[in-house]
Amino acid sequence: RISVSAEELLSYPLAVTIRPPNLRKVLVQLSGRQDYAPNVECESPFSLMSVVLSSDAIGICGAYSDVFLYAKGDLVRIEVDELAQDQDALYTRYGIVSRSSTRLSPLAQAMI
């Protein structure tokens, strides 16, 4: 694993997927700015991989993304010195929402 400072990270163009939604908050904290928008936003991790492999952009995606498998060693994971791994904003939480008048499927029931 490679480790860089936040300043070094932010000196490169950043390409991100639309998830996680908390990413903008983390980038604002790292940059010290009031708002921070990435240079490129991609719908899928595979589009992101294509952008990163054909440019000098640094890609930000989920740690368990399949792109690392498909990149076959062409991508490396970078850790940011000032970024605590236990920071709540790094994690996305999902929930199940249903209408009260609708019966849940067996799969939805099993997930609750």
PDB file of N, CA and C in Angstrom:
ATOM      1  N   ARG A   1       0.839  -1.188   0.000  1.00  0.00           N
ATOM      2  CA  ARG A   1       0.000   0.000   0.000  1.00  0.00           C
ATOM      3  C   ARG A   1       0.877   1.242   0.000  1.00  0.00           C
ATOM      4  N   ILE A   2       0.365   2.259  -0.680  1.00  0.00           N
ATOM      5  CA  ILE A   2       1.058   3.528  -0.765  1.00  0.00           C
ATOM      6  C   ILE A   2       0.335   4.519   0.137  1.00  0.00           C
ATOM      7  N   SER A   3       1.092   5.383   0.803  1.00  0.00           N
ATOM      8  CA  SER A   3       0.506   6.387   1.670  1.00  0.00           C
ATOM      9  C   SER A   3       0.910   7.775   1.179  1.00  0.00           C
ATOM     10  N   VAL A   4      -0.049   8.701   1.136  1.00  0.00           N
ATOM     11  CA  VAL A   4       0.212  10.073   0.703  1.00  0.00           C
ATOM     12  C   VAL A   4      -0.467  11.043   1.664  1.00  0.00           C
ATOM     13  N   SER A   5      -0.032  12.296   1.623  1.00  0.00           N
ATOM     14  CA  SER A   5      -0.697  13.324   2.424  1.00  0.00           C
ATOM     15  C   SER A   5      -1.943  13.796   1.680  1.00  0.00           C
ATOM     16  N   ALA A   6      -2.840  14.445   2.401  1.00  0.00           N
ATOM     17  CA  ALA A   6      -4.047  14.983   1.768  1.00  0.00           C
ATOM     18  C   ALA A   6      -3.670  16.014   0.710  1.00  0.00           C
ATOM     19  N   GLU A   7      -2.671  16.825   0.991  1.00  0.00           N
ATOM     20  CA  GLU A   7      -2.225  17.840   0.027  1.00  0.00           C
ATOM     21  C   GLU A   7      -1.743  17.187  -1.268  1.00  0.00           C
ATOM     22  N   GLU A   8      -0.974  16.105  -1.141  1.00  0.00           N
ATOM     23  CA  GLU A   8      -0.506  15.388  -2.337  1.00  0.00           C
ATOM     24  C   GLU A   8      -1.685  14.803  -3.118  1.00  0.00           C
ATOM     25  N   LEU A   9      -2.625  14.187  -2.413  1.00  0.00           N
ATOM     26  CA  LEU A   9      -3.799  13.603  -3.059  1.00  0.00           C
ATOM     27  C   LEU A   9      -4.581  14.654  -3.834  1.00  0.00           C
ATOM     28  N   LEU A  10      -4.826  15.796  -3.196  1.00  0.00           N
ATOM     29  CA  LEU A  10      -5.659  16.835  -3.793  1.00  0.00           C
ATOM     30  C   LEU A  10      -4.942  17.630  -4.876  1.00  0.00           C
ATOM     31  N   SER A  11      -3.659  17.377  -5.074  1.00  0.00           N
ATOM     32  CA  SER A  11      -2.941  18.061  -6.157  1.00  0.00           C
ATOM     33  C   SER A  11      -3.185  17.374  -7.505  1.00  0.00           C
ATOM     34  N   TYR A  12      -3.815  16.217  -7.493  1.00  0.00           N
ATOM     35  CA  TYR A  12      -4.154  15.482  -8.717  1.00  0.00           C
ATOM     36  C   TYR A  12      -5.644  15.629  -9.001  1.00  0.00           C
ATOM     37  N   PRO A  13      -6.038  15.474 -10.266  1.00  0.00           N
ATOM     38  CA  PRO A  13      -7.479  15.436 -10.557  1.00  0.00           C
ATOM     39  C   PRO A  13      -8.088  14.198  -9.900  1.00  0.00           C
ATOM     40  N   LEU A  14      -9.279  14.354  -9.342  1.00  0.00           N
ATOM     41  CA  LEU A  14      -9.952  13.236  -8.686  1.00  0.00           C
ATOM     42  C   LEU A  14     -11.147  12.786  -9.510  1.00  0.00           C
ATOM     43  N   ALA A  15     -11.231  11.494  -9.715  1.00  0.00           N
ATOM     44  CA  ALA A  15     -12.361  10.872 -10.401  1.00  0.00           C
ATOM     45  C   ALA A  15     -13.047   9.967  -9.387  1.00  0.00           C
ATOM     46  N   VAL A  16     -14.358  10.066  -9.294  1.00  0.00           N
ATOM     47  CA  VAL A  16     -15.091   9.320  -8.275  1.00  0.00           C
ATOM     48  C   VAL A  16     -16.325   8.653  -8.878  1.00  0.00           C
ATOM     49  N   THR A  17     -16.832   7.657  -8.171  1.00  0.00           N
ATOM     50  CA  THR A  17     -18.146   7.118  -8.511  1.00  0.00           C
ATOM     51  C   THR A  17     -19.168   7.949  -7.750  1.00  0.00           C
ATOM     52  N   ILE A  18     -20.437   7.791  -8.081  1.00  0.00           N
ATOM     53  CA  ILE A  18     -21.458   8.583  -7.395  1.00  0.00           C
ATOM     54  C   ILE A  18     -21.684   8.098  -5.967  1.00  0.00           C
ATOM     55  N   ARG A  19     -21.097   6.991  -5.612  1.00  0.00           N
ATOM     56  CA  ARG A  19     -21.157   6.482  -4.246  1.00  0.00           C
ATOM     57  C   ARG A  19     -19.749   6.413  -3.695  1.00  0.00           C
ATOM     58  N   PRO A  20     -19.490   6.581  -2.460  1.00  0.00           N
ATOM     59  CA  PRO A  20     -20.429   6.837  -1.382  1.00  0.00           C
ATOM     60  C   PRO A  20     -20.845   8.305  -1.342  1.00  0.00           C
ATOM     61  N   PRO A  21     -22.077   8.585  -0.892  1.00  0.00           N
ATOM     62  CA  PRO A  21     -22.558   9.966  -0.875  1.00  0.00           C
ATOM     63  C   PRO A  21     -21.819  10.852   0.116  1.00  0.00           C
ATOM     64  N   ASN A  22     -21.185  10.279   1.102  1.00  0.00           N
ATOM     65  CA  ASN A  22     -20.468  11.061   2.109  1.00  0.00           C
ATOM     66  C   ASN A  22     -19.101  11.520   1.626  1.00  0.00           C
ATOM     67  N   LEU A  23     -18.725  11.124   0.425  1.00  0.00           N
ATOM     68  CA  LEU A  23     -17.393  11.432  -0.087  1.00  0.00           C
ATOM     69  C   LEU A  23     -17.119  12.930  -0.132  1.00  0.00           C
ATOM     70  N   ARG A  24     -18.096  13.712  -0.558  1.00  0.00           N
ATOM     71  CA  ARG A  24     -17.899  15.162  -0.644  1.00  0.00           C
ATOM     72  C   ARG A  24     -17.542  15.733   0.734  1.00  0.00           C
ATOM     73  N   LYS A  25     -18.195  15.250   1.789  1.00  0.00           N
ATOM     74  CA  LYS A  25     -17.912  15.719   3.151  1.00  0.00           C
ATOM     75  C   LYS A  25     -16.463  15.410   3.532  1.00  0.00           C
ATOM     76  N   VAL A  26     -15.999  14.222   3.199  1.00  0.00           N
ATOM     77  CA  VAL A  26     -14.619  13.833   3.501  1.00  0.00           C
ATOM     78  C   VAL A  26     -13.638  14.708   2.724  1.00  0.00           C
ATOM     79  N   LEU A  27     -13.923  14.968   1.444  1.00  0.00           N
ATOM     80  CA  LEU A  27     -13.044  15.810   0.630  1.00  0.00           C
ATOM     81  C   LEU A  27     -13.009  17.245   1.149  1.00  0.00           C
ATOM     82  N   VAL A  28     -14.137  17.754   1.625  1.00  0.00           N
ATOM     83  CA  VAL A  28     -14.181  19.096   2.211  1.00  0.00           C
ATOM     84  C   VAL A  28     -13.286  19.147   3.442  1.00  0.00           C
ATOM     85  N   GLN A  29     -13.370  18.140   4.292  1.00  0.00           N
ATOM     86  CA  GLN A  29     -12.538  18.104   5.497  1.00  0.00           C
ATOM     87  C   GLN A  29     -11.060  18.042   5.145  1.00  0.00           C
ATOM     88  N   LEU A  30     -10.708  17.228   4.165  1.00  0.00           N
ATOM     89  CA  LEU A  30      -9.304  17.099   3.777  1.00  0.00           C
ATOM     90  C   LEU A  30      -8.763  18.370   3.133  1.00  0.00           C
ATOM     91  N   SER A  31      -9.582  19.030   2.328  1.00  0.00           N
ATOM     92  CA  SER A  31      -9.111  20.193   1.575  1.00  0.00           C
ATOM     93  C   SER A  31      -9.149  21.482   2.381  1.00  0.00           C
ATOM     94  N   GLY A  32     -10.004  21.525   3.407  1.00  0.00           N
ATOM     95  CA  GLY A  32     -10.154  22.756   4.172  1.00  0.00           C
ATOM     96  C   GLY A  32     -11.013  23.792   3.459  1.00  0.00           C
ATOM     97  N   ARG A  33     -11.637  23.420   2.359  1.00  0.00           N
ATOM     98  CA  ARG A  33     -12.502  24.330   1.601  1.00  0.00           C
ATOM     99  C   ARG A  33     -13.940  24.220   2.106  1.00  0.00           C
ATOM    100  N   GLN A  34     -14.789  25.164   1.668  1.00  0.00           N
ATOM    101  CA  GLN A  34     -16.206  25.106   2.044  1.00  0.00           C
ATOM    102  C   GLN A  34     -16.956  24.044   1.256  1.00  0.00           C
ATOM    103  N   ASP A  35     -16.483  23.764   0.052  1.00  0.00           N
ATOM    104  CA  ASP A  35     -17.095  22.728  -0.778  1.00  0.00           C
ATOM    105  C   ASP A  35     -16.002  22.149  -1.665  1.00  0.00           C
ATOM    106  N   TYR A  36     -16.180  20.933  -2.088  1.00  0.00           N
ATOM    107  CA  TYR A  36     -15.189  20.306  -2.964  1.00  0.00           C
ATOM    108  C   TYR A  36     -15.911  19.409  -3.956  1.00  0.00           C
ATOM    109  N   ALA A  37     -15.701  19.698  -5.209  1.00  0.00           N
ATOM    110  CA  ALA A  37     -16.301  18.873  -6.261  1.00  0.00           C
ATOM    111  C   ALA A  37     -15.190  18.121  -6.980  1.00  0.00           C
ATOM    112  N   PRO A  38     -15.362  16.832  -7.217  1.00  0.00           N
ATOM    113  CA  PRO A  38     -14.351  16.072  -7.961  1.00  0.00           C
ATOM    114  C   PRO A  38     -14.287  16.542  -9.414  1.00  0.00           C
ATOM    115  N   ASN A  39     -13.195  16.242 -10.083  1.00  0.00           N
ATOM    116  CA  ASN A  39     -13.032  16.633 -11.484  1.00  0.00           C
ATOM    117  C   ASN A  39     -13.905  15.800 -12.412  1.00  0.00           C
ATOM    118  N   VAL A  40     -14.091  14.512 -12.082  1.00  0.00           N
ATOM    119  CA  VAL A  40     -14.886  13.607 -12.915  1.00  0.00           C
ATOM    120  C   VAL A  40     -15.758  12.754 -11.998  1.00  0.00           C
ATOM    121  N   GLU A  41     -17.045  12.615 -12.343  1.00  0.00           N
ATOM    122  CA  GLU A  41     -17.937  11.703 -11.633  1.00  0.00           C
ATOM    123  C   GLU A  41     -18.415  10.646 -12.614  1.00  0.00           C
ATOM    124  N   CYS A  42     -18.298   9.386 -12.231  1.00  0.00           N
ATOM    125  CA  CYS A  42     -18.680   8.268 -13.098  1.00  0.00           C
ATOM    126  C   CYS A  42     -19.847   7.511 -12.473  1.00  0.00           C
ATOM    127  N   GLU A  43     -20.706   7.001 -13.320  1.00  0.00           N
ATOM    128  CA  GLU A  43     -21.845   6.204 -12.855  1.00  0.00           C
ATOM    129  C   GLU A  43     -21.404   4.848 -12.315  1.00  0.00           C
ATOM    130  N   SER A  44     -20.413   4.240 -12.953  1.00  0.00           N
ATOM    131  CA  SER A  44     -20.015   2.889 -12.545  1.00  0.00           C
ATOM    132  C   SER A  44     -18.527   2.834 -12.224  1.00  0.00           C
ATOM    133  N   PRO A  45     -18.143   1.900 -11.374  1.00  0.00           N
ATOM    134  CA  PRO A  45     -16.722   1.727 -11.061  1.00  0.00           C
ATOM    135  C   PRO A  45     -15.893   1.364 -12.295  1.00  0.00           C
ATOM    136  N   PHE A  46     -16.506   0.715 -13.279  1.00  0.00           N
ATOM    137  CA  PHE A  46     -15.749   0.326 -14.469  1.00  0.00           C
ATOM    138  C   PHE A  46     -15.461   1.529 -15.364  1.00  0.00           C
ATOM    139  N   SER A  47     -16.371   2.505 -15.415  1.00  0.00           N
ATOM    140  CA  SER A  47     -16.084   3.758 -16.124  1.00  0.00           C
ATOM    141  C   SER A  47     -14.960   4.485 -15.409  1.00  0.00           C
ATOM    142  N   LEU A  48     -15.027   4.472 -14.090  1.00  0.00           N
ATOM    143  CA  LEU A  48     -13.987   5.107 -13.285  1.00  0.00           C
ATOM    144  C   LEU A  48     -12.635   4.474 -13.579  1.00  0.00           C
ATOM    145  N   MET A  49     -12.588   3.159 -13.628  1.00  0.00           N
ATOM    146  CA  MET A  49     -11.337   2.458 -13.918  1.00  0.00           C
ATOM    147  C   MET A  49     -10.786   2.897 -15.269  1.00  0.00           C
ATOM    148  N   SER A  50     -11.637   3.032 -16.253  1.00  0.00           N
ATOM    149  CA  SER A  50     -11.208   3.458 -17.584  1.00  0.00           C
ATOM    150  C   SER A  50     -10.608   4.861 -17.551  1.00  0.00           C
ATOM    151  N   VAL A  51     -11.249   5.768 -16.814  1.00  0.00           N
ATOM    152  CA  VAL A  51     -10.735   7.139 -16.689  1.00  0.00           C
ATOM    153  C   VAL A  51      -9.369   7.133 -16.022  1.00  0.00           C
ATOM    154  N   VAL A  52      -9.250   6.411 -14.925  1.00  0.00           N
ATOM    155  CA  VAL A  52      -7.997   6.386 -14.165  1.00  0.00           C
ATOM    156  C   VAL A  52      -6.864   5.758 -14.976  1.00  0.00           C
ATOM    157  N   LEU A  53      -7.150   4.669 -15.673  1.00  0.00           N
ATOM    158  CA  LEU A  53      -6.102   3.991 -16.439  1.00  0.00           C
ATOM    159  C   LEU A  53      -5.657   4.779 -17.669  1.00  0.00           C
ATOM    160  N   SER A  54      -6.464   5.740 -18.110  1.00  0.00           N
ATOM    161  CA  SER A  54      -6.091   6.502 -19.305  1.00  0.00           C
ATOM    162  C   SER A  54      -5.771   7.967 -19.000  1.00  0.00           C
ATOM    163  N   SER A  55      -5.512   8.283 -17.735  1.00  0.00           N
ATOM    164  CA  SER A  55      -5.211   9.669 -17.364  1.00  0.00           C
ATOM    165  C   SER A  55      -4.311   9.692 -16.136  1.00  0.00           C
ATOM    166  N   ASP A  56      -4.063  10.900 -15.626  1.00  0.00           N
ATOM    167  CA  ASP A  56      -3.294  11.009 -14.385  1.00  0.00           C
ATOM    168  C   ASP A  56      -4.214  11.247 -13.186  1.00  0.00           C
ATOM    169  N   ALA A  57      -5.510  10.989 -13.361  1.00  0.00           N
ATOM    170  CA  ALA A  57      -6.477  11.166 -12.279  1.00  0.00           C
ATOM    171  C   ALA A  57      -6.330  10.056 -11.242  1.00  0.00           C
ATOM    172  N   ILE A  58      -6.681  10.396 -10.024  1.00  0.00           N
ATOM    173  CA  ILE A  58      -6.749   9.415  -8.945  1.00  0.00           C
ATOM    174  C   ILE A  58      -8.222   9.065  -8.772  1.00  0.00           C
ATOM    175  N   GLY A  59      -8.532   7.791  -8.760  1.00  0.00           N
ATOM    176  CA  GLY A  59      -9.909   7.338  -8.640  1.00  0.00           C
ATOM    177  C   GLY A  59     -10.266   7.023  -7.204  1.00  0.00           C
ATOM    178  N   ILE A  60     -11.487   7.344  -6.829  1.00  0.00           N
ATOM    179  CA  ILE A  60     -11.979   7.032  -5.489  1.00  0.00           C
ATOM    180  C   ILE A  60     -13.242   6.197  -5.646  1.00  0.00           C
ATOM    181  N   CYS A  61     -13.199   4.985  -5.099  1.00  0.00           N
ATOM    182  CA  CYS A  61     -14.370   4.103  -5.156  1.00  0.00           C
ATOM    183  C   CYS A  61     -14.383   3.253  -3.892  1.00  0.00           C
ATOM    184  N   GLY A  62     -15.385   2.421  -3.764  1.00  0.00           N
ATOM    185  CA  GLY A  62     -15.490   1.554  -2.599  1.00  0.00           C
ATOM    186  C   GLY A  62     -14.298   0.613  -2.483  1.00  0.00           C
ATOM    187  N   ALA A  63     -13.890   0.354  -1.261  1.00  0.00           N
ATOM    188  CA  ALA A  63     -12.710  -0.483  -1.018  1.00  0.00           C
ATOM    189  C   ALA A  63     -12.877  -1.904  -1.531  1.00  0.00           C
ATOM    190  N   TYR A  64     -14.106  -2.377  -1.610  1.00  0.00           N
ATOM    191  CA  TYR A  64     -14.335  -3.760  -2.026  1.00  0.00           C
ATOM    192  C   TYR A  64     -14.849  -3.857  -3.459  1.00  0.00           C
ATOM    193  N   SER A  65     -14.578  -2.839  -4.250  1.00  0.00           N
ATOM    194  CA  SER A  65     -15.044  -2.813  -5.638  1.00  0.00           C
ATOM    195  C   SER A  65     -14.360  -3.898  -6.463  1.00  0.00           C
ATOM    196  N   ASP A  66     -15.096  -4.442  -7.417  1.00  0.00           N
ATOM    197  CA  ASP A  66     -14.551  -5.464  -8.315  1.00  0.00           C
ATOM    198  C   ASP A  66     -13.512  -4.922  -9.283  1.00  0.00           C
ATOM    199  N   VAL A  67     -13.402  -3.601  -9.398  1.00  0.00           N
ATOM    200  CA  VAL A  67     -12.449  -3.048 -10.373  1.00  0.00           C
ATOM    201  C   VAL A  67     -11.019  -3.462 -10.064  1.00  0.00           C
ATOM    202  N   PHE A  68     -10.713  -3.690  -8.801  1.00  0.00           N
ATOM    203  CA  PHE A  68      -9.353  -4.115  -8.449  1.00  0.00           C
ATOM    204  C   PHE A  68      -9.036  -5.483  -9.051  1.00  0.00           C
ATOM    205  N   LEU A  69     -10.025  -6.349  -9.123  1.00  0.00           N
ATOM    206  CA  LEU A  69      -9.825  -7.663  -9.744  1.00  0.00           C
ATOM    207  C   LEU A  69      -9.638  -7.535 -11.250  1.00  0.00           C
ATOM    208  N   TYR A  70     -10.462  -6.694 -11.876  1.00  0.00           N
ATOM    209  CA  TYR A  70     -10.417  -6.544 -13.332  1.00  0.00           C
ATOM    210  C   TYR A  70      -9.204  -5.749 -13.807  1.00  0.00           C
ATOM    211  N   ALA A  71      -8.648  -4.903 -12.960  1.00  0.00           N
ATOM    212  CA  ALA A  71      -7.499  -4.084 -13.360  1.00  0.00           C
ATOM    213  C   ALA A  71      -6.216  -4.906 -13.428  1.00  0.00           C
ATOM    214  N   LYS A  72      -6.238  -6.098 -12.865  1.00  0.00           N
ATOM    215  CA  LYS A  72      -5.111  -7.041 -12.943  1.00  0.00           C
ATOM    216  C   LYS A  72      -3.770  -6.418 -12.556  1.00  0.00           C
ATOM    217  N   GLY A  73      -3.771  -5.716 -11.425  1.00  0.00           N
ATOM    218  CA  GLY A  73      -2.524  -5.152 -10.916  1.00  0.00           C
ATOM    219  C   GLY A  73      -2.169  -3.785 -11.461  1.00  0.00           C
ATOM    220  N   ASP A  74      -2.981  -3.231 -12.364  1.00  0.00           N
ATOM    221  CA  ASP A  74      -2.697  -1.903 -12.909  1.00  0.00           C
ATOM    222  C   ASP A  74      -3.112  -0.780 -11.966  1.00  0.00           C
ATOM    223  N   LEU A  75      -3.865  -1.092 -10.931  1.00  0.00           N
ATOM    224  CA  LEU A  75      -4.283  -0.103  -9.939  1.00  0.00           C
ATOM    225  C   LEU A  75      -3.706  -0.468  -8.580  1.00  0.00           C
ATOM    226  N   VAL A  76      -3.388   0.540  -7.790  1.00  0.00           N
ATOM    227  CA  VAL A  76      -2.934   0.312  -6.416  1.00  0.00           C
ATOM    228  C   VAL A  76      -3.818   1.115  -5.471  1.00  0.00           C
ATOM    229  N   ARG A  77      -3.963   0.626  -4.276  1.00  0.00           N
ATOM    230  CA  ARG A  77      -4.744   1.320  -3.255  1.00  0.00           C
ATOM    231  C   ARG A  77      -3.842   2.329  -2.554  1.00  0.00           C
ATOM    232  N   ILE A  78      -4.331   3.541  -2.397  1.00  0.00           N
ATOM    233  CA  ILE A  78      -3.570   4.612  -1.742  1.00  0.00           C
ATOM    234  C   ILE A  78      -4.257   4.957  -0.430  1.00  0.00           C
ATOM    235  N   GLU A  79      -3.482   5.071   0.627  1.00  0.00           N
ATOM    236  CA  GLU A  79      -4.028   5.519   1.905  1.00  0.00           C
ATOM    237  C   GLU A  79      -3.641   6.971   2.106  1.00  0.00           C
ATOM    238  N   VAL A  80      -4.536   7.733   2.717  1.00  0.00           N
ATOM    239  CA  VAL A  80      -4.293   9.151   2.981  1.00  0.00           C
ATOM    240  C   VAL A  80      -3.926   9.297   4.447  1.00  0.00           C
ATOM    241  N   ASP A  81      -2.749   9.892   4.698  1.00  0.00           N
ATOM    242  CA  ASP A  81      -2.221   9.989   6.058  1.00  0.00           C
ATOM    243  C   ASP A  81      -3.211  10.609   7.048  1.00  0.00           C
ATOM    244  N   GLU A  82      -3.869  11.687   6.652  1.00  0.00           N
ATOM    245  CA  GLU A  82      -4.746  12.421   7.566  1.00  0.00           C
ATOM    246  C   GLU A  82      -6.152  11.836   7.683  1.00  0.00           C
ATOM    247  N   LEU A  83      -6.407  10.736   7.055  1.00  0.00           N
ATOM    248  CA  LEU A  83      -7.750  10.172   7.012  1.00  0.00           C
ATOM    249  C   LEU A  83      -7.848   8.960   7.934  1.00  0.00           C
ATOM    250  N   ALA A  84      -8.564   9.131   9.042  1.00  0.00           N
ATOM    251  CA  ALA A  84      -8.750   8.028   9.989  1.00  0.00           C
ATOM    252  C   ALA A  84      -9.711   7.007   9.389  1.00  0.00           C
ATOM    253  N   GLN A  85      -9.334   5.747   9.405  1.00  0.00           N
ATOM    254  CA  GLN A  85     -10.157   4.699   8.796  1.00  0.00           C
ATOM    255  C   GLN A  85     -11.471   4.453   9.539  1.00  0.00           C
ATOM    256  N   ASP A  86     -11.555   4.886  10.799  1.00  0.00           N
ATOM    257  CA  ASP A  86     -12.786   4.673  11.560  1.00  0.00           C
ATOM    258  C   ASP A  86     -13.755   5.852  11.438  1.00  0.00           C
ATOM    259  N   GLN A  87     -13.440   6.813  10.576  1.00  0.00           N
ATOM    260  CA  GLN A  87     -14.280   7.994  10.375  1.00  0.00           C
ATOM    261  C   GLN A  87     -15.645   7.581   9.829  1.00  0.00           C
ATOM    262  N   ASP A  88     -16.691   7.998  10.504  1.00  0.00           N
ATOM    263  CA  ASP A  88     -18.052   7.587  10.154  1.00  0.00           C
ATOM    264  C   ASP A  88     -18.438   7.977   8.726  1.00  0.00           C
ATOM    265  N   ALA A  89     -17.939   9.096   8.234  1.00  0.00           N
ATOM    266  CA  ALA A  89     -18.302   9.574   6.890  1.00  0.00           C
ATOM    267  C   ALA A  89     -17.778   8.664   5.781  1.00  0.00           C
ATOM    268  N   LEU A  90     -16.860   7.762   6.090  1.00  0.00           N
ATOM    269  CA  LEU A  90     -16.319   6.858   5.073  1.00  0.00           C
ATOM    270  C   LEU A  90     -17.251   5.692   4.770  1.00  0.00           C
ATOM    271  N   TYR A  91     -18.260   5.518   5.581  1.00  0.00           N
ATOM    272  CA  TYR A  91     -19.113   4.347   5.442  1.00  0.00           C
ATOM    273  C   TYR A  91     -20.527   4.741   5.032  1.00  0.00           C
ATOM    274  N   THR A  92     -21.078   3.994   4.127  1.00  0.00           N
ATOM    275  CA  THR A  92     -22.442   4.215   3.661  1.00  0.00           C
ATOM    276  C   THR A  92     -23.346   3.202   4.344  1.00  0.00           C
ATOM    277  N   ARG A  93     -24.481   3.676   4.775  1.00  0.00           N
ATOM    278  CA  ARG A  93     -25.435   2.779   5.418  1.00  0.00           C
ATOM    279  C   ARG A  93     -26.679   2.668   4.545  1.00  0.00           C
ATOM    280  N   TYR A  94     -27.208   1.485   4.458  1.00  0.00           N
ATOM    281  CA  TYR A  94     -28.397   1.234   3.658  1.00  0.00           C
ATOM    282  C   TYR A  94     -29.506   0.740   4.571  1.00  0.00           C
ATOM    283  N   GLY A  95     -30.715   0.906   4.142  1.00  0.00           N
ATOM    284  CA  GLY A  95     -31.847   0.426   4.910  1.00  0.00           C
ATOM    285  C   GLY A  95     -32.926  -0.097   3.986  1.00  0.00           C
ATOM    286  N   ILE A  96     -33.882  -0.779   4.561  1.00  0.00           N
ATOM    287  CA  ILE A  96     -35.008  -1.309   3.793  1.00  0.00           C
ATOM    288  C   ILE A  96     -36.225  -0.456   4.116  1.00  0.00           C
ATOM    289  N   VAL A  97     -36.855   0.045   3.075  1.00  0.00           N
ATOM    290  CA  VAL A  97     -38.050   0.863   3.232  1.00  0.00           C
ATOM    291  C   VAL A  97     -39.177   0.166   2.484  1.00  0.00           C
ATOM    292  N   SER A  98     -40.318   0.071   3.133  1.00  0.00           N
ATOM    293  CA  SER A  98     -41.468  -0.541   2.459  1.00  0.00           C
ATOM    294  C   SER A  98     -42.725   0.236   2.815  1.00  0.00           C
ATOM    295  N   ARG A  99     -43.726   0.088   2.001  1.00  0.00           N
ATOM    296  CA  ARG A  99     -45.017   0.706   2.291  1.00  0.00           C
ATOM    297  C   ARG A  99     -45.725  -0.134   3.341  1.00  0.00           C
ATOM    298  N   SER A 100     -46.360   0.536   4.281  1.00  0.00           N
ATOM    299  CA  SER A 100     -47.011  -0.198   5.373  1.00  0.00           C
ATOM    300  C   SER A 100     -48.186  -1.039   4.888  1.00  0.00           C
ATOM    301  N   SER A 101     -48.774  -0.676   3.770  1.00  0.00           N
ATOM    302  CA  SER A 101     -49.929  -1.428   3.269  1.00  0.00           C
ATOM    303  C   SER A 101     -49.544  -2.573   2.333  1.00  0.00           C
ATOM    304  N   THR A 102     -48.254  -2.753   2.099  1.00  0.00           N
ATOM    305  CA  THR A 102     -47.793  -3.782   1.169  1.00  0.00           C
ATOM    306  C   THR A 102     -47.077  -4.892   1.929  1.00  0.00           C
ATOM    307  N   ARG A 103     -47.389  -6.103   1.581  1.00  0.00           N
ATOM    308  CA  ARG A 103     -46.745  -7.256   2.203  1.00  0.00           C
ATOM    309  C   ARG A 103     -45.363  -7.451   1.589  1.00  0.00           C
ATOM    310  N   LEU A 104     -44.373  -7.738   2.414  1.00  0.00           N
ATOM    311  CA  LEU A 104     -43.004  -7.921   1.939  1.00  0.00           C
ATOM    312  C   LEU A 104     -42.817  -9.293   1.312  1.00  0.00           C
ATOM    313  N   SER A 105     -41.915  -9.354   0.353  1.00  0.00           N
ATOM    314  CA  SER A 105     -41.572 -10.635  -0.263  1.00  0.00           C
ATOM    315  C   SER A 105     -40.790 -11.472   0.745  1.00  0.00           C
ATOM    316  N   PRO A 106     -40.688 -12.779   0.536  1.00  0.00           N
ATOM    317  CA  PRO A 106     -39.903 -13.623   1.443  1.00  0.00           C
ATOM    318  C   PRO A 106     -38.439 -13.160   1.547  1.00  0.00           C
ATOM    319  N   LEU A 107     -37.856 -12.705   0.433  1.00  0.00           N
ATOM    320  CA  LEU A 107     -36.473 -12.228   0.467  1.00  0.00           C
ATOM    321  C   LEU A 107     -36.349 -10.981   1.341  1.00  0.00           C
ATOM    322  N   ALA A 108     -37.263 -10.027   1.182  1.00  0.00           N
ATOM    323  CA  ALA A 108     -37.234  -8.819   2.003  1.00  0.00           C
ATOM    324  C   ALA A 108     -37.424  -9.170   3.475  1.00  0.00           C
ATOM    325  N   GLN A 109     -38.316 -10.103   3.762  1.00  0.00           N
ATOM    326  CA  GLN A 109     -38.531 -10.545   5.146  1.00  0.00           C
ATOM    327  C   GLN A 109     -37.251 -11.132   5.730  1.00  0.00           C
ATOM    328  N   ALA A 110     -36.542 -11.901   4.933  1.00  0.00           N
ATOM    329  CA  ALA A 110     -35.309 -12.534   5.410  1.00  0.00           C
ATOM    330  C   ALA A 110     -34.221 -11.506   5.706  1.00  0.00           C
ATOM    331  N   MET A 111     -34.257 -10.369   5.014  1.00  0.00           N
ATOM    332  CA  MET A 111     -33.227  -9.350   5.202  1.00  0.00           C
ATOM    333  C   MET A 111     -33.448  -8.505   6.450  1.00  0.00           C
ATOM    334  N   ILE A 112     -34.669  -8.524   6.956  1.00  0.00           N
ATOM    335  CA  ILE A 112     -34.988  -7.681   8.121  1.00  0.00           C
ATOM    336  C   ILE A 112     -34.576  -8.369   9.403  1.00  0.00           C
TER     337      ILE A 112
END
